[in-house]
Amino acid sequence: MSADHLQFLKNKFILDLEEAEEEHSGENEIPLLSRFQQIRDALKAKDITAATPIRLKNCLYNAISALEECVVLSEKREPRKKKDGPMHGYTLAEHWILCKTRRLLVQVKRKLTAPADAIIPGMTDMAASSSYTSLQVIPRPNSRNFDPDYFPGFDEQVNTILDRLENTGDGFQEIGIVGIGGSGKTTLAQLVFTKIDGYLRDNRIWICLFPKLSGDVDFKEMIKDMLKQCGAAAVVDDGVEIEVEELLENLGKL
C-alpha cells in the first residue's frame, strides 16, 4: 500500500510539472523550473518498490506543494511583467517565498538522490514514527551535566523570568519563550529550571514535549511522565492513590 501511495505521488508530480510546462512556457515559465526538472529526473531514475521508505512521501508532498505555489506565482506575475524593473514582476514577499522554496527544492533533490541510509540535515522525518516513546524529546535538565555558568549571556532574561515567577501577584501565570530555531529557547528554559530556588524548587516539573507535535498529544503518557518525575504515584491528602484517568479528568483533558 505504501509503494502504491508513493508511486501515485511520483506520477502526480511528473504530470503536474508537464502540465505547468505546457501552460507556462517561454517568458511565462514558472519560477525555479530547472529545480523542478532536476527533481523530475531524480524521480524518473528512482524505482518505487515495497522496500522504498514511506518517509519519502514528505519529499513528494513538498515538491508537489512547491510546484503549485510556483504556478500561482507565475500567474500573478504575468500581468505585472509590463512594469518589469528590478523585481521582475514579483513582489518583495514573493521573492522571499521563492528564496525559501529554492532551499526546499535543493533539500528535496538531495533526499531523493541520497543513499538509502543517508541522513540529510534539515530533512529528518518526525512523522516516520508515531510512537510516543520512540520520538526524540528534550530531556529534563540535570545539574550534574548542565552548568549555568557556561551561559553568561542569558543572565538578564533568566533574572526577569525568575522575578516574575516569584512575584505571581503581578498577574503572570504563564510565561512563554519564543524565538527562531537555534536562538536559545531551550537553553533559557533549562537555566530557569535549574536556578529556581526556595519553595518553587519543590514544585517544578519539566515536561518533555516532542520537537514537533503531530496534533494528537497523548496526555496520559505525558501525565505518567510527570508522575515519574515526582518520584511516586500522585496521592491525595488521605494517602489514596489517584488514577491517571481521574487526574486527567481533573485537569480537563478528557
C-alpha atoms as a PDB file:
ATOM      1  CA  MET A   1       0.000   0.000   0.000  1.00  0.00           C
ATOM      2  CA  SER A   2       2.827   2.409   0.841  1.00  0.00           C
ATOM      3  CA  ALA A   3       4.522   1.702  -2.501  1.00  0.00           C
ATOM      4  CA  ASP A   4       1.258   2.451  -4.339  1.00  0.00           C
ATOM      5  CA  HIS A   5       0.928   5.700  -2.403  1.00  0.00           C
ATOM      6  CA  LEU A   6       4.467   6.783  -3.267  1.00  0.00           C
ATOM      7  CA  GLN A   7       4.012   5.811  -6.921  1.00  0.00           C
ATOM      8  CA  PHE A   8       0.835   7.887  -7.072  1.00  0.00           C
ATOM      9  CA  LEU A   9       2.629  10.935  -5.651  1.00  0.00           C
ATOM     10  CA  LYS A  10       5.546  10.418  -8.035  1.00  0.00           C
ATOM     11  CA  ASN A  11       3.237  10.259 -11.048  1.00  0.00           C
ATOM     12  CA  LYS A  12       1.254  13.263  -9.836  1.00  0.00           C
ATOM     13  CA  PHE A  13       4.347  15.449  -9.577  1.00  0.00           C
ATOM     14  CA  ILE A  14       5.577  14.427 -13.034  1.00  0.00           C
ATOM     15  CA  LEU A  15       2.186  15.030 -14.656  1.00  0.00           C
ATOM     16  CA  ASP A  16       1.662  18.337 -12.829  1.00  0.00           C
ATOM     17  CA  LEU A  17       5.077  19.549 -13.975  1.00  0.00           C
ATOM     18  CA  GLU A  18       4.363  18.570 -17.591  1.00  0.00           C
ATOM     19  CA  GLU A  19       1.092  20.492 -17.435  1.00  0.00           C
ATOM     20  CA  ALA A  20       2.820  23.532 -15.927  1.00  0.00           C
ATOM     21  CA  GLU A  21       5.471  23.462 -18.674  1.00  0.00           C
ATOM     22  CA  GLU A  22       2.785  23.395 -21.369  1.00  0.00           C
ATOM     23  CA  GLU A  23       0.691  26.208 -19.902  1.00  0.00           C
ATOM     24  CA  HIS A  24       3.584  28.442 -18.834  1.00  0.00           C
ATOM     25  CA  SER A  25       6.290  28.399 -21.486  1.00  0.00           C
ATOM     26  CA  GLY A  26       8.825  30.877 -22.820  1.00  0.00           C
ATOM     27  CA  GLU A  27       8.814  34.171 -20.942  1.00  0.00           C
ATOM     28  CA  ASN A  28       5.941  32.927 -18.797  1.00  0.00           C
ATOM     29  CA  GLU A  29       7.636  29.790 -17.493  1.00  0.00           C
ATOM     30  CA  ILE A  30       7.191  29.037 -13.820  1.00  0.00           C
ATOM     31  CA  PRO A  31       9.934  30.198 -11.443  1.00  0.00           C
ATOM     32  CA  LEU A  32      12.551  27.654 -10.364  1.00  0.00           C
ATOM     33  CA  LEU A  33      11.665  25.467 -13.352  1.00  0.00           C
ATOM     34  CA  SER A  34      15.154  23.964 -13.593  1.00  0.00           C
ATOM     35  CA  ARG A  35      14.930  22.855  -9.936  1.00  0.00           C
ATOM     36  CA  PHE A  36      11.654  21.069 -10.591  1.00  0.00           C
ATOM     37  CA  GLN A  37      13.102  19.432 -13.706  1.00  0.00           C
ATOM     38  CA  GLN A  38      16.046  18.129 -11.684  1.00  0.00           C
ATOM     39  CA  ILE A  39      13.632  16.602  -9.177  1.00  0.00           C
ATOM     40  CA  ARG A  40      11.652  15.033 -12.029  1.00  0.00           C
ATOM     41  CA  ASP A  41      14.834  13.484 -13.435  1.00  0.00           C
ATOM     42  CA  ALA A  42      15.698  12.120  -9.994  1.00  0.00           C
ATOM     43  CA  LEU A  43      12.212  10.638  -9.627  1.00  0.00           C
ATOM     44  CA  LYS A  44      12.280   9.010 -13.060  1.00  0.00           C
ATOM     45  CA  ALA A  45      15.592   7.383 -12.167  1.00  0.00           C
ATOM     46  CA  LYS A  46      14.198   6.118  -8.862  1.00  0.00           C
ATOM     47  CA  ASP A  47      12.181   2.900  -8.751  1.00  0.00           C
ATOM     48  CA  ILE A  48       9.365   2.769  -6.204  1.00  0.00           C
ATOM     49  CA  THR A  49       9.216  -0.671  -4.583  1.00  0.00           C
ATOM     50  CA  ALA A  50       7.869  -2.200  -1.391  1.00  0.00           C
ATOM     51  CA  ALA A  51      11.288  -1.514   0.158  1.00  0.00           C
ATOM     52  CA  THR A  52      11.129   2.228  -0.555  1.00  0.00           C
ATOM     53  CA  PRO A  53      10.853   4.090   2.792  1.00  0.00           C
ATOM     54  CA  ILE A  54       7.386   5.571   3.299  1.00  0.00           C
ATOM     55  CA  ARG A  55       9.040   8.703   4.720  1.00  0.00           C
ATOM     56  CA  LEU A  56       9.822   9.620   1.106  1.00  0.00           C
ATOM     57  CA  LYS A  57       6.225  10.817   0.885  1.00  0.00           C
ATOM     58  CA  ASN A  58       7.157  14.033   2.697  1.00  0.00           C
ATOM     59  CA  CYS A  59       9.629  14.895  -0.076  1.00  0.00           C
ATOM     60  CA  LEU A  60       6.970  14.259  -2.708  1.00  0.00           C
ATOM     61  CA  TYR A  61       4.343  16.268  -0.847  1.00  0.00           C
ATOM     62  CA  ASN A  62       6.815  19.152  -0.504  1.00  0.00           C
ATOM     63  CA  ALA A  63       7.690  19.027  -4.202  1.00  0.00           C
ATOM     64  CA  ILE A  64       4.023  18.969  -5.274  1.00  0.00           C
ATOM     65  CA  SER A  65       3.118  21.807  -2.920  1.00  0.00           C
ATOM     66  CA  ALA A  66       6.090  23.908  -4.067  1.00  0.00           C
ATOM     67  CA  LEU A  67       5.134  23.354  -7.706  1.00  0.00           C
ATOM     68  CA  GLU A  68       1.579  24.520  -7.043  1.00  0.00           C
ATOM     69  CA  GLU A  69       2.935  27.613  -5.268  1.00  0.00           C
ATOM     70  CA  CYS A  70       5.212  28.490  -8.173  1.00  0.00           C
ATOM     71  CA  VAL A  71       2.407  28.057 -10.716  1.00  0.00           C
ATOM     72  CA  VAL A  72       0.296  30.524  -8.733  1.00  0.00           C
ATOM     73  CA  LEU A  73       3.203  32.981  -8.505  1.00  0.00           C
ATOM     74  CA  SER A  74       3.735  32.721 -12.249  1.00  0.00           C
ATOM     75  CA  GLU A  75       0.075  33.515 -12.927  1.00  0.00           C
ATOM     76  CA  LYS A  76       0.214  36.520 -10.597  1.00  0.00           C
ATOM     77  CA  ARG A  77       3.401  37.753 -12.231  1.00  0.00           C
ATOM     78  CA  GLU A  78       2.205  37.778 -15.861  1.00  0.00           C
ATOM     79  CA  PRO A  79       0.069  40.961 -15.680  1.00  0.00           C
ATOM     80  CA  ARG A  80       2.860  42.765 -13.802  1.00  0.00           C
ATOM     81  CA  LYS A  81       5.657  41.992 -16.247  1.00  0.00           C
ATOM     82  CA  LYS A  82       4.996  45.109 -18.300  1.00  0.00           C
ATOM     83  CA  LYS A  83       6.258  47.159 -15.381  1.00  0.00           C
ATOM     84  CA  ASP A  84       9.298  44.891 -15.148  1.00  0.00           C
ATOM     85  CA  GLY A  85      12.008  46.693 -13.142  1.00  0.00           C
ATOM     86  CA  PRO A  86      14.379  45.068 -10.646  1.00  0.00           C
ATOM     87  CA  MET A  87      11.586  42.958  -9.116  1.00  0.00           C
ATOM     88  CA  HIS A  88      10.876  41.223 -12.466  1.00  0.00           C
ATOM     89  CA  GLY A  89       7.155  41.173 -11.799  1.00  0.00           C
ATOM     90  CA  TYR A  90       7.374  39.736  -8.276  1.00  0.00           C
ATOM     91  CA  THR A  91       6.668  41.498  -5.023  1.00  0.00           C
ATOM     92  CA  LEU A  92       9.207  41.511  -2.216  1.00  0.00           C
ATOM     93  CA  ALA A  93       7.154  38.937  -0.300  1.00  0.00           C
ATOM     94  CA  GLU A  94       7.035  36.686  -3.359  1.00  0.00           C
ATOM     95  CA  HIS A  95      10.810  36.918  -3.766  1.00  0.00           C
ATOM     96  CA  TRP A  96      11.133  35.755  -0.165  1.00  0.00           C
ATOM     97  CA  ILE A  97       8.790  32.817  -0.869  1.00  0.00           C
ATOM     98  CA  LEU A  98      10.886  31.871  -3.897  1.00  0.00           C
ATOM     99  CA  CYS A  99      14.051  32.035  -1.816  1.00  0.00           C
ATOM    100  CA  LYS A 100      12.622  29.624   0.758  1.00  0.00           C
ATOM    101  CA  THR A 101      11.187  27.384  -1.959  1.00  0.00           C
ATOM    102  CA  ARG A 102      14.564  27.164  -3.699  1.00  0.00           C
ATOM    103  CA  ARG A 103      16.199  25.942  -0.494  1.00  0.00           C
ATOM    104  CA  LEU A 104      13.404  23.412  -0.001  1.00  0.00           C
ATOM    105  CA  LEU A 105      13.782  22.046  -3.532  1.00  0.00           C
ATOM    106  CA  VAL A 106      17.538  21.655  -3.062  1.00  0.00           C
ATOM    107  CA  GLN A 107      16.862  19.572   0.044  1.00  0.00           C
ATOM    108  CA  VAL A 108      14.225  17.502  -1.740  1.00  0.00           C
ATOM    109  CA  LYS A 109      16.620  16.674  -4.563  1.00  0.00           C
ATOM    110  CA  ARG A 110      19.377  15.741  -2.117  1.00  0.00           C
ATOM    111  CA  LYS A 111      16.982  13.460  -0.276  1.00  0.00           C
ATOM    112  CA  LEU A 112      15.867  11.759  -3.485  1.00  0.00           C
ATOM    113  CA  THR A 113      19.416  11.172  -4.724  1.00  0.00           C
ATOM    114  CA  ALA A 114      20.981  10.254  -1.362  1.00  0.00           C
ATOM    115  CA  PRO A 115      21.836   6.637  -0.450  1.00  0.00           C
ATOM    116  CA  ALA A 116      19.056   4.786   1.356  1.00  0.00           C
ATOM    117  CA  ASP A 117      20.624   5.098   4.824  1.00  0.00           C
ATOM    118  CA  ALA A 118      21.913   8.655   4.494  1.00  0.00           C
ATOM    119  CA  ILE A 119      20.522  11.412   6.722  1.00  0.00           C
ATOM    120  CA  ILE A 120      20.098  14.826   5.132  1.00  0.00           C
ATOM    121  CA  PRO A 121      20.323  17.766   7.589  1.00  0.00           C
ATOM    122  CA  GLY A 122      17.017  19.570   7.867  1.00  0.00           C
ATOM    123  CA  MET A 123      15.042  16.710   6.316  1.00  0.00           C
ATOM    124  CA  THR A 124      14.555  14.386   9.279  1.00  0.00           C
ATOM    125  CA  ASP A 125      11.101  12.884   9.219  1.00  0.00           C
ATOM    126  CA  MET A 126       9.311  13.162  12.557  1.00  0.00           C
ATOM    127  CA  ALA A 127       6.226  11.591  11.000  1.00  0.00           C
ATOM    128  CA  ALA A 128       8.084   8.331  10.387  1.00  0.00           C
ATOM    129  CA  SER A 129       7.329   7.279  13.946  1.00  0.00           C
ATOM    130  CA  SER A 130       4.010   7.795  15.678  1.00  0.00           C
ATOM    131  CA  SER A 131       5.042   6.069  18.895  1.00  0.00           C
ATOM    132  CA  TYR A 132       5.183   8.318  21.931  1.00  0.00           C
ATOM    133  CA  THR A 133       8.273   6.628  23.331  1.00  0.00           C
ATOM    134  CA  SER A 134      10.220   6.448  20.053  1.00  0.00           C
ATOM    135  CA  LEU A 135      10.210  10.177  19.324  1.00  0.00           C
ATOM    136  CA  GLN A 136      13.191  12.224  20.441  1.00  0.00           C
ATOM    137  CA  VAL A 137      12.330  14.570  23.273  1.00  0.00           C
ATOM    138  CA  ILE A 138      14.133  17.397  25.034  1.00  0.00           C
ATOM    139  CA  PRO A 139      15.444  15.831  28.267  1.00  0.00           C
ATOM    140  CA  ARG A 140      14.983  17.243  31.730  1.00  0.00           C
ATOM    141  CA  PRO A 141      17.984  19.375  32.764  1.00  0.00           C
ATOM    142  CA  ASN A 142      20.416  17.579  35.059  1.00  0.00           C
ATOM    143  CA  SER A 143      22.515  19.785  37.330  1.00  0.00           C
ATOM    144  CA  ARG A 144      25.354  17.274  37.077  1.00  0.00           C
ATOM    145  CA  ASN A 145      25.792  17.857  33.332  1.00  0.00           C
ATOM    146  CA  PHE A 146      24.249  21.322  32.907  1.00  0.00           C
ATOM    147  CA  ASP A 147      26.396  24.144  34.268  1.00  0.00           C
ATOM    148  CA  PRO A 148      24.616  27.553  34.193  1.00  0.00           C
ATOM    149  CA  ASP A 149      27.998  29.308  34.303  1.00  0.00           C
ATOM    150  CA  TYR A 150      28.634  28.225  30.709  1.00  0.00           C
ATOM    151  CA  PHE A 151      25.833  30.518  29.509  1.00  0.00           C
ATOM    152  CA  PRO A 152      26.656  34.030  30.790  1.00  0.00           C
ATOM    153  CA  GLY A 153      24.694  35.832  28.063  1.00  0.00           C
ATOM    154  CA  PHE A 154      21.312  34.797  29.477  1.00  0.00           C
ATOM    155  CA  ASP A 155      21.595  36.440  32.905  1.00  0.00           C
ATOM    156  CA  GLU A 156      19.196  39.310  32.206  1.00  0.00           C
ATOM    157  CA  GLN A 157      16.496  37.090  30.695  1.00  0.00           C
ATOM    158  CA  VAL A 158      16.822  34.493  33.460  1.00  0.00           C
ATOM    159  CA  ASN A 159      16.547  37.111  36.203  1.00  0.00           C
ATOM    160  CA  THR A 160      13.492  38.686  34.540  1.00  0.00           C
ATOM    161  CA  ILE A 161      11.671  35.347  34.303  1.00  0.00           C
ATOM    162  CA  LEU A 162      12.595  34.301  37.850  1.00  0.00           C
ATOM    163  CA  ASP A 163      11.387  37.636  39.204  1.00  0.00           C
ATOM    164  CA  ARG A 164       8.016  37.198  37.513  1.00  0.00           C
ATOM    165  CA  LEU A 165       7.697  33.595  38.648  1.00  0.00           C
ATOM    166  CA  GLU A 166       8.403  34.505  42.259  1.00  0.00           C
ATOM    167  CA  ASN A 167       6.091  37.527  42.216  1.00  0.00           C
ATOM    168  CA  THR A 168       2.930  35.861  40.946  1.00  0.00           C
ATOM    169  CA  GLY A 169       0.856  38.741  42.284  1.00  0.00           C
ATOM    170  CA  ASP A 170       1.877  40.703  39.195  1.00  0.00           C
ATOM    171  CA  GLY A 171      -0.528  38.600  37.149  1.00  0.00           C
ATOM    172  CA  PHE A 172       1.958  36.280  35.433  1.00  0.00           C
ATOM    173  CA  GLN A 173       0.540  32.758  35.499  1.00  0.00           C
ATOM    174  CA  GLU A 174       2.267  31.524  32.351  1.00  0.00           C
ATOM    175  CA  ILE A 175       5.489  32.597  30.659  1.00  0.00           C
ATOM    176  CA  GLY A 176       6.296  31.664  27.070  1.00  0.00           C
ATOM    177  CA  ILE A 177       9.736  31.801  25.465  1.00  0.00           C
ATOM    178  CA  VAL A 178       9.632  32.417  21.720  1.00  0.00           C
ATOM    179  CA  GLY A 179      12.260  32.840  19.030  1.00  0.00           C
ATOM    180  CA  ILE A 180      13.663  31.386  15.832  1.00  0.00           C
ATOM    181  CA  GLY A 181      15.299  27.979  15.786  1.00  0.00           C
ATOM    182  CA  GLY A 182      18.704  27.980  17.449  1.00  0.00           C
ATOM    183  CA  SER A 183      18.159  31.226  19.356  1.00  0.00           C
ATOM    184  CA  GLY A 184      18.480  29.509  22.758  1.00  0.00           C
ATOM    185  CA  LYS A 185      14.861  28.963  23.861  1.00  0.00           C
ATOM    186  CA  THR A 186      15.524  25.528  25.378  1.00  0.00           C
ATOM    187  CA  THR A 187      18.769  26.685  26.995  1.00  0.00           C
ATOM    188  CA  LEU A 188      16.989  29.629  28.615  1.00  0.00           C
ATOM    189  CA  ALA A 189      14.220  27.339  29.894  1.00  0.00           C
ATOM    190  CA  GLN A 190      16.831  24.959  31.331  1.00  0.00           C
ATOM    191  CA  LEU A 191      18.650  27.821  33.044  1.00  0.00           C
ATOM    192  CA  VAL A 192      15.418  28.996  34.670  1.00  0.00           C
ATOM    193  CA  PHE A 193      14.592  25.433  35.713  1.00  0.00           C
ATOM    194  CA  THR A 194      17.974  24.836  37.371  1.00  0.00           C
ATOM    195  CA  LYS A 195      18.147  28.255  39.078  1.00  0.00           C
ATOM    196  CA  ILE A 196      14.686  28.201  40.668  1.00  0.00           C
ATOM    197  CA  ASP A 197      15.161  28.357  44.428  1.00  0.00           C
ATOM    198  CA  GLY A 198      13.087  28.378  47.577  1.00  0.00           C
ATOM    199  CA  TYR A 199       9.630  26.843  47.773  1.00  0.00           C
ATOM    200  CA  LEU A 200       9.292  26.820  43.970  1.00  0.00           C
ATOM    201  CA  ARG A 201      12.128  24.267  43.690  1.00  0.00           C
ATOM    202  CA  ASP A 202       9.917  21.550  45.176  1.00  0.00           C
ATOM    203  CA  ASN A 203       7.037  22.384  42.840  1.00  0.00           C
ATOM    204  CA  ARG A 204       8.761  22.305  39.474  1.00  0.00           C
ATOM    205  CA  ILE A 205       8.196  19.692  36.774  1.00  0.00           C
ATOM    206  CA  TRP A 206       9.983  19.555  33.424  1.00  0.00           C
ATOM    207  CA  ILE A 207       7.526  18.238  30.814  1.00  0.00           C
ATOM    208  CA  CYS A 208       9.314  16.725  27.843  1.00  0.00           C
ATOM    209  CA  LEU A 209       7.459  17.544  24.628  1.00  0.00           C
ATOM    210  CA  PHE A 210       8.305  16.450  21.117  1.00  0.00           C
ATOM    211  CA  PRO A 211      10.234  18.970  18.997  1.00  0.00           C
ATOM    212  CA  LYS A 212       7.325  18.674  16.547  1.00  0.00           C
ATOM    213  CA  LEU A 213       3.852  17.642  17.696  1.00  0.00           C
ATOM    214  CA  SER A 214       1.641  15.765  15.277  1.00  0.00           C
ATOM    215  CA  GLY A 215      -1.521  17.233  16.765  1.00  0.00           C
ATOM    216  CA  ASP A 216      -2.621  14.153  18.701  1.00  0.00           C
ATOM    217  CA  VAL A 217      -0.950  14.534  22.077  1.00  0.00           C
ATOM    218  CA  ASP A 218      -1.137  11.520  24.368  1.00  0.00           C
ATOM    219  CA  PHE A 219      -1.951  13.313  27.608  1.00  0.00           C
ATOM    220  CA  LYS A 220      -1.994  10.051  29.569  1.00  0.00           C
ATOM    221  CA  GLU A 221       1.616   9.354  28.704  1.00  0.00           C
ATOM    222  CA  MET A 222       2.516  12.961  29.472  1.00  0.00           C
ATOM    223  CA  ILE A 223       0.892  12.759  32.901  1.00  0.00           C
ATOM    224  CA  LYS A 224       2.615   9.447  33.625  1.00  0.00           C
ATOM    225  CA  ASP A 225       5.968  11.054  32.885  1.00  0.00           C
ATOM    226  CA  MET A 226       5.088  13.935  35.187  1.00  0.00           C
ATOM    227  CA  LEU A 227       4.236  11.499  37.976  1.00  0.00           C
ATOM    228  CA  LYS A 228       7.506   9.632  37.462  1.00  0.00           C
ATOM    229  CA  GLN A 229       9.406  12.895  37.898  1.00  0.00           C
ATOM    230  CA  CYS A 230       7.624  13.383  41.202  1.00  0.00           C
ATOM    231  CA  GLY A 231       9.175  10.118  42.346  1.00  0.00           C
ATOM    232  CA  ALA A 232       5.901   8.393  43.256  1.00  0.00           C
ATOM    233  CA  ALA A 233       2.274   7.996  42.307  1.00  0.00           C
ATOM    234  CA  ALA A 234       0.101  11.041  42.830  1.00  0.00           C
ATOM    235  CA  VAL A 235      -1.704  10.886  46.176  1.00  0.00           C
ATOM    236  CA  VAL A 236      -4.339  12.976  47.849  1.00  0.00           C
ATOM    237  CA  ASP A 237      -4.108  14.187  51.439  1.00  0.00           C
ATOM    238  CA  ASP A 238      -5.509  10.987  52.919  1.00  0.00           C
ATOM    239  CA  GLY A 239      -2.949   8.840  51.107  1.00  0.00           C
ATOM    240  CA  VAL A 240      -5.290   7.389  48.468  1.00  0.00           C
ATOM    241  CA  GLU A 241      -3.697   6.991  45.040  1.00  0.00           C
ATOM    242  CA  ILE A 242      -5.183   8.981  42.160  1.00  0.00           C
ATOM    243  CA  GLU A 243      -5.684   7.120  38.883  1.00  0.00           C
ATOM    244  CA  VAL A 244      -4.233   8.705  35.756  1.00  0.00           C
ATOM    245  CA  GLU A 245      -7.717   8.945  34.210  1.00  0.00           C
ATOM    246  CA  GLU A 246      -9.011  10.767  37.275  1.00  0.00           C
ATOM    247  CA  LEU A 247      -6.094  13.160  37.231  1.00  0.00           C
ATOM    248  CA  LEU A 248      -6.679  13.868  33.548  1.00  0.00           C
ATOM    249  CA  GLU A 249     -10.353  14.470  34.195  1.00  0.00           C
ATOM    250  CA  ASN A 250      -9.489  16.934  36.935  1.00  0.00           C
ATOM    251  CA  LEU A 251      -7.180  18.725  34.521  1.00  0.00           C
ATOM    252  CA  GLY A 252      -9.984  18.973  31.973  1.00  0.00           C
ATOM    253  CA  LYS A 253      -8.229  16.853  29.376  1.00  0.00           C
ATOM    254  CA  LEU A 254     -10.896  14.176  28.935  1.00  0.00           C
END
